[in-house]
Protein backbone atom coordinates (compact mmCIF):
# COMPACT_ATOMS: atom_id res chain seq x y z
CA MET A 1 17.49 -6.08 -17.56
CA THR A 2 14.64 -5.20 -19.85
CA GLU A 3 12.15 -2.66 -18.52
CA ASP A 4 8.42 -3.36 -18.69
CA PRO A 5 6.60 -0.73 -20.78
CA VAL A 6 4.49 0.86 -18.03
CA ARG A 7 3.08 4.36 -18.08
CA ARG A 8 4.90 6.32 -15.40
CA PRO A 9 2.91 9.05 -13.66
CA VAL A 10 4.91 12.15 -12.85
CA VAL A 11 4.61 12.80 -9.13
CA PRO A 12 5.01 16.50 -8.35
CA GLU A 13 8.22 17.36 -6.51
CA ALA A 14 6.97 19.54 -3.65
CA THR A 15 10.36 19.23 -1.95
CA PRO A 16 13.57 17.34 -2.70
CA ARG A 17 12.98 13.62 -2.73
CA PRO A 18 13.52 11.89 0.64
CA GLY A 19 17.03 10.50 0.99
CA GLY A 20 18.99 13.57 -0.04
CA THR A 21 20.63 14.42 3.30
CA ASP A 22 23.60 12.72 4.89
CA ASP A 23 22.03 11.86 8.25
CA PHE A 24 18.87 9.89 8.89
CA ASP A 25 16.16 12.12 10.37
CA ALA A 26 12.78 10.42 10.62
CA HIS A 27 10.91 13.68 11.25
CA SER A 28 12.42 15.38 8.18
CA LEU A 29 11.80 12.30 6.08
CA ARG A 30 8.19 12.20 7.23
CA ALA A 31 7.73 15.89 6.43
CA GLU A 32 9.28 15.55 2.98
CA THR A 33 7.09 12.57 2.14
CA ALA A 34 4.00 14.37 3.46
CA ALA A 35 4.75 17.34 1.21
CA ARG A 36 5.02 15.08 -1.82
CA PHE A 37 1.78 13.33 -0.79
CA THR A 38 -0.01 16.68 -0.57
CA ALA A 39 1.24 17.56 -4.05
CA ALA A 40 0.24 14.16 -5.43
CA ALA A 41 -3.28 14.38 -3.94
CA ALA A 42 -3.70 17.82 -5.51
CA ALA A 43 -2.58 16.39 -8.87
CA ILE A 44 -5.14 13.59 -8.51
CA ASP A 45 -7.86 16.16 -7.77
CA ALA A 46 -6.85 18.13 -10.86
CA GLY A 47 -6.80 15.04 -13.08
CA ASP A 48 -3.07 15.35 -13.74
CA LEU A 49 -2.31 12.08 -11.95
CA ALA A 50 -4.72 9.25 -12.83
CA PHE A 51 -5.57 6.07 -10.94
CA PRO A 52 -8.63 4.57 -12.69
CA LEU A 53 -11.09 2.86 -10.36
CA PRO A 54 -10.67 -0.93 -10.28
CA GLY A 55 -13.09 -2.88 -12.44
CA GLY A 56 -13.77 -0.06 -14.88
CA GLY A 57 -11.76 -1.45 -17.76
CA ALA A 58 -8.44 0.23 -16.93
CA THR A 59 -7.35 -1.68 -13.82
CA ALA A 60 -4.00 -2.52 -15.42
CA GLU A 61 -3.33 1.21 -15.72
CA ARG A 62 -4.16 1.66 -12.04
CA PHE A 63 -1.73 -1.08 -11.01
CA ALA A 64 0.98 0.27 -13.35
CA ALA A 65 0.56 3.76 -11.89
CA LEU A 66 0.88 2.44 -8.33
CA ARG A 67 3.95 0.44 -9.29
CA ALA A 68 5.55 3.50 -10.88
CA VAL A 69 5.02 5.70 -7.81
CA ALA A 70 6.45 2.92 -5.62
CA GLU A 71 9.53 2.56 -7.78
CA ASP A 72 10.13 6.27 -7.27
CA ASP A 73 9.43 6.27 -3.50
CA LEU A 74 7.85 3.38 -1.62
CA CYS A 75 6.83 5.52 1.38
CA LEU A 76 5.04 7.98 -0.89
CA ALA A 77 3.35 5.06 -2.63
CA ARG A 78 2.01 3.81 0.71
CA LEU A 79 0.23 7.14 1.22
CA VAL A 80 -0.94 7.49 -2.39
CA GLU A 81 -2.22 3.90 -2.41
CA GLY A 82 -4.22 4.55 0.77
CA HIS A 83 -5.71 7.71 -0.72
CA VAL A 84 -6.79 6.16 -4.03
CA ASP A 85 -7.99 3.01 -2.25
CA ALA A 86 -10.19 5.18 -0.03
CA LEU A 87 -11.65 6.85 -3.12
CA ALA A 88 -12.46 3.41 -4.55
CA VAL A 89 -14.04 2.24 -1.27
CA LEU A 90 -16.20 5.36 -1.02
CA ALA A 91 -17.37 4.88 -4.61
CA GLU A 92 -18.14 1.19 -4.08
CA LEU A 93 -19.95 1.52 -0.74
CA GLY A 94 -21.70 4.82 -1.40
CA GLY A 95 -19.82 6.81 1.21
CA PRO A 96 -19.55 10.60 1.37
CA ALA A 97 -18.32 12.23 -1.83
CA PRO A 98 -14.58 12.95 -1.51
CA ALA A 99 -14.26 16.73 -1.76
CA PRO A 100 -11.14 18.29 -3.33
CA GLY A 101 -8.32 19.11 -0.97
CA ARG A 102 -8.82 16.06 1.22
CA ARG A 103 -6.11 13.48 1.77
CA TRP A 104 -7.51 10.10 2.75
CA GLY A 105 -6.03 7.13 4.54
CA VAL A 106 -7.43 3.64 5.08
CA TRP A 107 -6.73 2.48 8.63
CA ALA A 108 -8.08 -1.05 8.82
CA ALA A 109 -5.38 -3.09 10.56
CA GLU A 110 -6.67 -5.01 13.55
CA PRO A 111 -3.79 -6.64 15.41
CA PRO A 112 -4.28 -7.86 18.99
CA GLY A 113 -4.59 -5.11 21.53
CA GLU A 114 -6.91 -2.40 22.74
CA GLY A 115 -8.48 -1.65 19.39
CA LEU A 116 -11.11 0.88 18.41
CA THR A 117 -14.73 0.95 19.58
CA ALA A 118 -17.68 2.56 17.80
CA VAL A 119 -20.62 3.79 19.85
CA ARG A 120 -23.96 5.05 18.53
CA GLY A 121 -25.56 7.75 20.65
CA ARG A 122 -29.24 8.29 21.32
CA ASP A 123 -29.26 10.91 18.56
CA GLY A 124 -28.14 8.23 16.08
CA ARG A 125 -24.68 9.69 15.64
CA TRP A 126 -21.57 7.52 15.84
CA SER A 127 -18.30 8.21 17.63
CA LEU A 128 -15.01 6.33 17.85
CA SER A 129 -12.74 5.89 20.87
CA GLY A 130 -9.66 3.78 21.51
CA LEU A 131 -6.37 2.98 19.79
CA LYS A 132 -5.80 2.24 16.10
CA GLN A 133 -2.47 0.80 15.02
CA TYR A 134 -0.57 1.20 11.72
CA CYS A 135 -2.14 4.50 10.63
CA SER A 136 -0.13 5.58 7.58
CA GLY A 137 -0.21 9.31 6.96
CA ALA A 138 -1.27 10.01 10.54
CA HIS A 139 0.08 13.57 10.43
CA SER A 140 -0.71 14.38 6.79
CA CYS A 141 -4.14 12.85 6.09
CA THR A 142 -7.17 15.07 6.56
CA HIS A 143 -9.66 12.18 6.61
CA ALA A 144 -9.54 8.42 7.08
CA LEU A 145 -11.64 5.33 6.56
CA VAL A 146 -11.32 3.43 9.84
CA THR A 147 -12.57 0.01 10.93
CA ALA A 148 -13.95 -0.28 14.45
CA ARG A 149 -15.89 -2.74 16.56
CA ALA A 150 -19.52 -1.81 17.14
CA GLU A 151 -22.18 -3.62 19.16
CA ASP A 152 -23.45 -5.32 15.99
CA GLY A 153 -20.03 -6.19 14.53
CA ARG A 154 -17.13 -4.65 12.67
CA ARG A 155 -17.93 -1.54 10.69
CA LEU A 156 -16.17 0.99 8.49
CA PHE A 157 -16.39 4.70 9.25
CA ALA A 158 -15.34 7.92 7.56
CA VAL A 159 -13.65 10.24 10.04
CA ALA A 160 -12.47 13.84 9.74
CA LEU A 161 -9.13 13.98 11.52
CA THR A 162 -9.82 16.88 13.81
CA ARG A 163 -7.27 17.83 16.42
CA GLY A 164 -8.64 17.07 19.86
CA THR A 165 -10.54 13.96 18.81
CA TYR A 166 -7.59 12.12 17.30
CA GLU A 167 -3.92 12.16 18.26
CA PRO A 168 -0.95 10.29 16.73
CA VAL A 169 1.00 8.53 19.47
CA GLU A 170 4.57 9.66 19.05
CA GLY A 171 7.28 7.03 19.26
CA THR A 172 5.09 4.09 18.23
CA TRP A 173 6.83 3.63 14.85
CA ARG A 174 10.49 2.91 15.55
CA ALA A 175 11.51 1.17 12.34
CA LEU A 176 13.92 2.76 9.84
CA GLY A 177 12.07 0.96 7.04
CA MET A 178 8.98 2.90 5.82
CA ALA A 179 9.79 5.69 8.27
CA GLY A 180 8.58 8.25 5.74
CA SER A 181 5.13 6.65 5.56
CA ASP A 182 4.28 8.14 8.97
CA THR A 183 2.58 5.05 10.40
CA PRO A 184 2.24 5.44 14.19
CA ASP A 185 -0.61 4.36 16.42
CA VAL A 186 -3.46 6.87 16.67
CA ARG A 187 -5.69 7.44 19.68
CA PHE A 188 -9.30 8.52 19.11
CA ASP A 189 -11.42 10.23 21.74
CA ALA A 190 -15.14 10.45 20.88
CA ALA A 191 -14.32 11.29 17.26
CA ALA A 192 -17.41 11.93 15.14
CA ALA A 193 -17.76 9.20 12.53
CA GLU A 194 -20.01 8.45 9.56
CA PRO A 195 -20.71 4.78 8.79
CA VAL A 196 -19.76 3.60 5.32
CA GLY A 197 -21.54 0.43 4.19
CA ASP A 198 -23.05 -2.27 6.37
CA VAL A 199 -21.62 -4.48 9.11
CA GLU A 200 -18.59 -6.32 7.65
CA GLY A 201 -19.28 -4.51 4.38
CA TYR A 202 -15.68 -3.35 4.07
CA VAL A 203 -14.18 -6.84 3.91
CA ASN A 204 -17.08 -8.59 2.14
CA ARG A 205 -17.20 -6.29 -0.91
CA PRO A 206 -15.44 -7.43 -4.13
CA GLY A 207 -13.23 -4.35 -4.06
CA PHE A 208 -11.52 -5.54 -0.88
CA GLN A 209 -9.77 -8.19 -2.95
CA HIS A 210 -9.10 -5.82 -5.83
CA GLY A 211 -7.47 -3.35 -3.45
CA GLY A 212 -5.20 -6.03 -2.04
CA ILE A 213 -3.68 -6.51 -5.48
CA GLY A 214 -3.07 -2.76 -5.67
CA VAL A 215 -0.86 -3.11 -2.59
CA ALA A 216 1.05 -5.89 -4.37
CA ALA A 217 1.62 -3.49 -7.29
CA CYS A 218 3.36 -1.17 -4.81
CA TRP A 219 5.50 -4.06 -3.56
CA LEU A 220 6.54 -4.81 -7.12
CA GLY A 221 7.53 -1.18 -7.67
CA GLY A 222 9.69 -1.42 -4.56
CA ALA A 223 11.39 -4.54 -5.96
CA HIS A 224 12.19 -2.70 -9.18
CA ALA A 225 13.76 0.08 -7.10
CA VAL A 226 15.92 -2.39 -5.17
CA ALA A 227 17.02 -3.98 -8.46
CA ARG A 228 18.53 -0.69 -9.70
CA SER A 229 21.84 -1.47 -8.00
CA LEU A 230 21.96 -4.89 -9.63
CA ARG A 231 21.25 -3.41 -13.05
CA ALA A 232 24.07 -0.94 -12.52
CA ALA A 233 26.43 -3.75 -11.55
CA GLY A 234 25.41 -5.67 -14.66
CA ARG A 235 26.17 -2.69 -16.89
CA ARG A 236 29.64 -2.49 -15.36
CA GLY A 237 30.25 -6.12 -16.32
CA SER A 238 30.78 -7.49 -12.84
CA GLY A 239 31.04 -11.10 -13.95
CA PRO A 240 28.98 -14.23 -14.65
CA HIS A 241 27.66 -14.61 -11.11
CA THR A 242 26.23 -11.09 -11.20
CA ASP A 243 24.73 -11.82 -14.61
CA ALA A 244 23.10 -14.96 -13.21
CA HIS A 245 21.52 -13.02 -10.36
CA LEU A 246 20.42 -10.34 -12.82
CA GLY A 247 18.85 -12.95 -15.07
CA ALA A 248 16.95 -14.50 -12.17
CA VAL A 249 15.66 -11.12 -11.04
CA ASP A 250 14.66 -10.17 -14.59
CA ILE A 251 12.58 -13.35 -14.96
CA ASP A 252 10.87 -12.77 -11.62
CA LEU A 253 10.07 -9.09 -12.14
CA HIS A 254 8.85 -9.64 -15.69
CA THR A 255 6.62 -12.54 -14.63
CA ALA A 256 5.23 -10.62 -11.65
CA GLY A 257 4.24 -7.83 -14.03
CA LEU A 258 2.38 -10.35 -16.18
CA VAL A 259 0.64 -11.74 -13.08
CA LEU A 260 -0.65 -8.27 -12.21
CA GLU A 261 -1.79 -7.66 -15.79
CA ASP A 262 -3.67 -10.98 -15.74
CA ALA A 263 -5.24 -10.11 -12.37
CA ALA A 264 -6.31 -6.72 -13.73
CA ALA A 265 -7.95 -8.37 -16.73
CA GLY A 266 -9.82 -10.74 -14.40
CA ILE A 267 -11.07 -7.84 -12.30
CA ASP A 268 -12.26 -5.92 -15.36
CA ALA A 269 -14.03 -9.00 -16.71
CA ASP A 270 -15.90 -9.62 -13.44
CA PRO A 271 -15.74 -6.49 -11.22
CA MET A 272 -18.64 -7.62 -8.99
CA ASP A 273 -17.08 -11.08 -8.51
CA ARG A 274 -20.11 -12.99 -9.72
CA LYS A 275 -17.86 -15.98 -10.42
CA GLY A 276 -16.48 -15.95 -6.88
CA GLU A 277 -12.86 -15.86 -8.06
CA ALA A 278 -11.71 -12.56 -6.55
CA ARG A 279 -10.34 -13.90 -3.27
CA LEU A 280 -8.23 -16.64 -4.85
CA ARG A 281 -7.03 -14.20 -7.52
CA SER A 282 -5.91 -11.73 -4.87
CA LEU A 283 -4.26 -14.34 -2.67
CA ARG A 284 -2.33 -15.79 -5.61
CA ALA A 285 -1.17 -12.43 -6.95
CA ARG A 286 -0.10 -11.12 -3.55
CA ALA A 287 1.71 -14.34 -2.61
CA PHE A 288 3.59 -14.46 -5.91
CA VAL A 289 4.63 -10.81 -5.83
CA GLU A 290 5.71 -11.08 -2.18
CA ALA A 291 7.87 -14.09 -3.06
CA VAL A 292 9.37 -12.19 -6.00
CA CYS A 293 10.20 -9.26 -3.72
CA ASP A 294 11.82 -11.58 -1.19
CA ARG A 295 13.90 -13.29 -3.89
CA THR A 296 14.87 -9.92 -5.39
CA LEU A 297 16.16 -8.71 -2.03
CA GLY A 298 18.21 -11.90 -1.76
CA HIS A 299 19.62 -11.85 -5.29
CA VAL A 300 20.55 -8.17 -5.14
CA GLY A 301 22.22 -8.54 -1.76
CA ARG A 302 24.20 -11.62 -2.78
CA ALA A 303 25.26 -10.10 -6.09
CA THR A 304 26.28 -6.63 -4.88
CA GLY A 305 27.50 -7.37 -1.35
CA ALA A 306 27.63 -4.80 1.42
CA GLY A 307 28.77 -1.90 -0.76
CA PRO A 308 25.42 -0.45 -1.85
CA LEU A 309 23.87 -1.06 1.58
CA CYS A 310 26.69 0.82 3.29
CA HIS A 311 27.47 3.58 0.79
CA ASP A 312 24.30 4.20 -1.25
CA ARG A 313 21.73 5.76 1.07
CA ARG A 314 18.94 5.56 -1.51
CA HIS A 315 19.51 1.84 -2.03
CA ALA A 316 19.72 1.20 1.70
CA ARG A 317 16.38 2.97 2.17
CA ASP A 318 14.80 1.05 -0.71
CA VAL A 319 15.88 -2.25 0.85
CA ALA A 320 14.71 -1.28 4.33
CA ASP A 321 11.38 0.05 3.04
CA LEU A 322 10.59 -3.02 0.94
CA THR A 323 11.63 -5.41 3.71
CA VAL A 324 9.09 -3.80 6.05
CA TYR A 325 6.32 -3.25 3.49
CA ILE A 326 6.08 -6.85 2.25
CA ARG A 327 5.52 -8.00 5.82
CA GLN A 328 1.99 -6.71 5.30
CA HIS A 329 1.59 -10.04 3.51
CA HIS A 330 0.25 -12.77 5.75
CA ALA A 331 2.86 -15.31 4.64
CA GLU A 332 2.05 -18.96 5.40
CA ARG A 333 -1.42 -18.05 6.60
CA ASP A 334 -2.29 -16.84 3.10
CA LEU A 335 -0.59 -19.84 1.51
CA ALA A 336 -2.73 -22.09 3.71
CA ASP A 337 -5.83 -20.19 2.57
CA ILE A 338 -4.84 -20.78 -1.07
CA GLY A 339 -4.42 -24.48 -0.35
CA ALA A 340 -7.83 -24.70 1.30
CA LEU A 341 -9.45 -22.87 -1.62
CA VAL A 342 -7.92 -24.97 -4.39
CA SER A 343 -8.66 -28.18 -2.47
CA GLY A 344 -12.32 -27.19 -2.25
CA ARG A 345 -12.44 -27.13 1.57
CA ASP A 346 -12.91 -23.35 1.82
CA GLU A 347 -16.25 -22.15 0.44
CA ARG A 348 -15.80 -18.45 1.29
């Protein structure tokens, strides 16, 4: 399989890479990933690890860097992607300047349930209380951008994660896949919060769509990681059926890379989305990459059988991580949105 010529950032090795022990230990895996995240955030602060802001003319480099981190470690990429996405959001919406030494997350999932409520006191200060689900980096982030429901609608807030006002809820992430990403529920109790942007400003800004494609770049990196076992089987000359699966995966991964490059060029050509194309661009890119990831998981599994899943811990983790991560895609709901957009029925 030919490799796409992407620039691969070197992520500092604060500790041995997750996956090096014989037994699965979610707490150790979380700690190891957190240490690598801390090292990566420090490298970003120092300028040694670059993720250009989207729309500035180097968006393809940003996507390639995210893909490369994900190919190395998908759980680490989830934390790094959240951090650099937060930096982009703060720059776009005029939020507080991100000081060195901070590790940011973006906690914006809003599944059914209790949710998070924002209240503005008589002194004009905001506070957050309630439950937020899917908070990646809950134990390792120092700050987070968090969506919450206020009296006037949904808002985005910057929150310092101070012990006593926020608490990860242990045991709320039970999956083996993405265990290192440290994504439990988090409970807030009158946490001081600073509003970032206007009501619904987080989702209505052009960068919301740009950031969604950055997540797809991480998915693609995860697919490349899963494909390593298939490449190895191909080099051993495992037969024509393996070659056929390898050829199918090569076509998909190569084409997905081109889709992300094309999306990056579109973002750089119209960063403020004056043409109104950002949402369809994001939906198309994410849907295609998710489908490529799903097909890659299928081809690799059918070609290599149970062996790598049972005997290669790194491969088993890569498969489990990618299987969970791509479920962040909204599947048929997003496909239906694409259909409504291209038919002209959706004017959003």
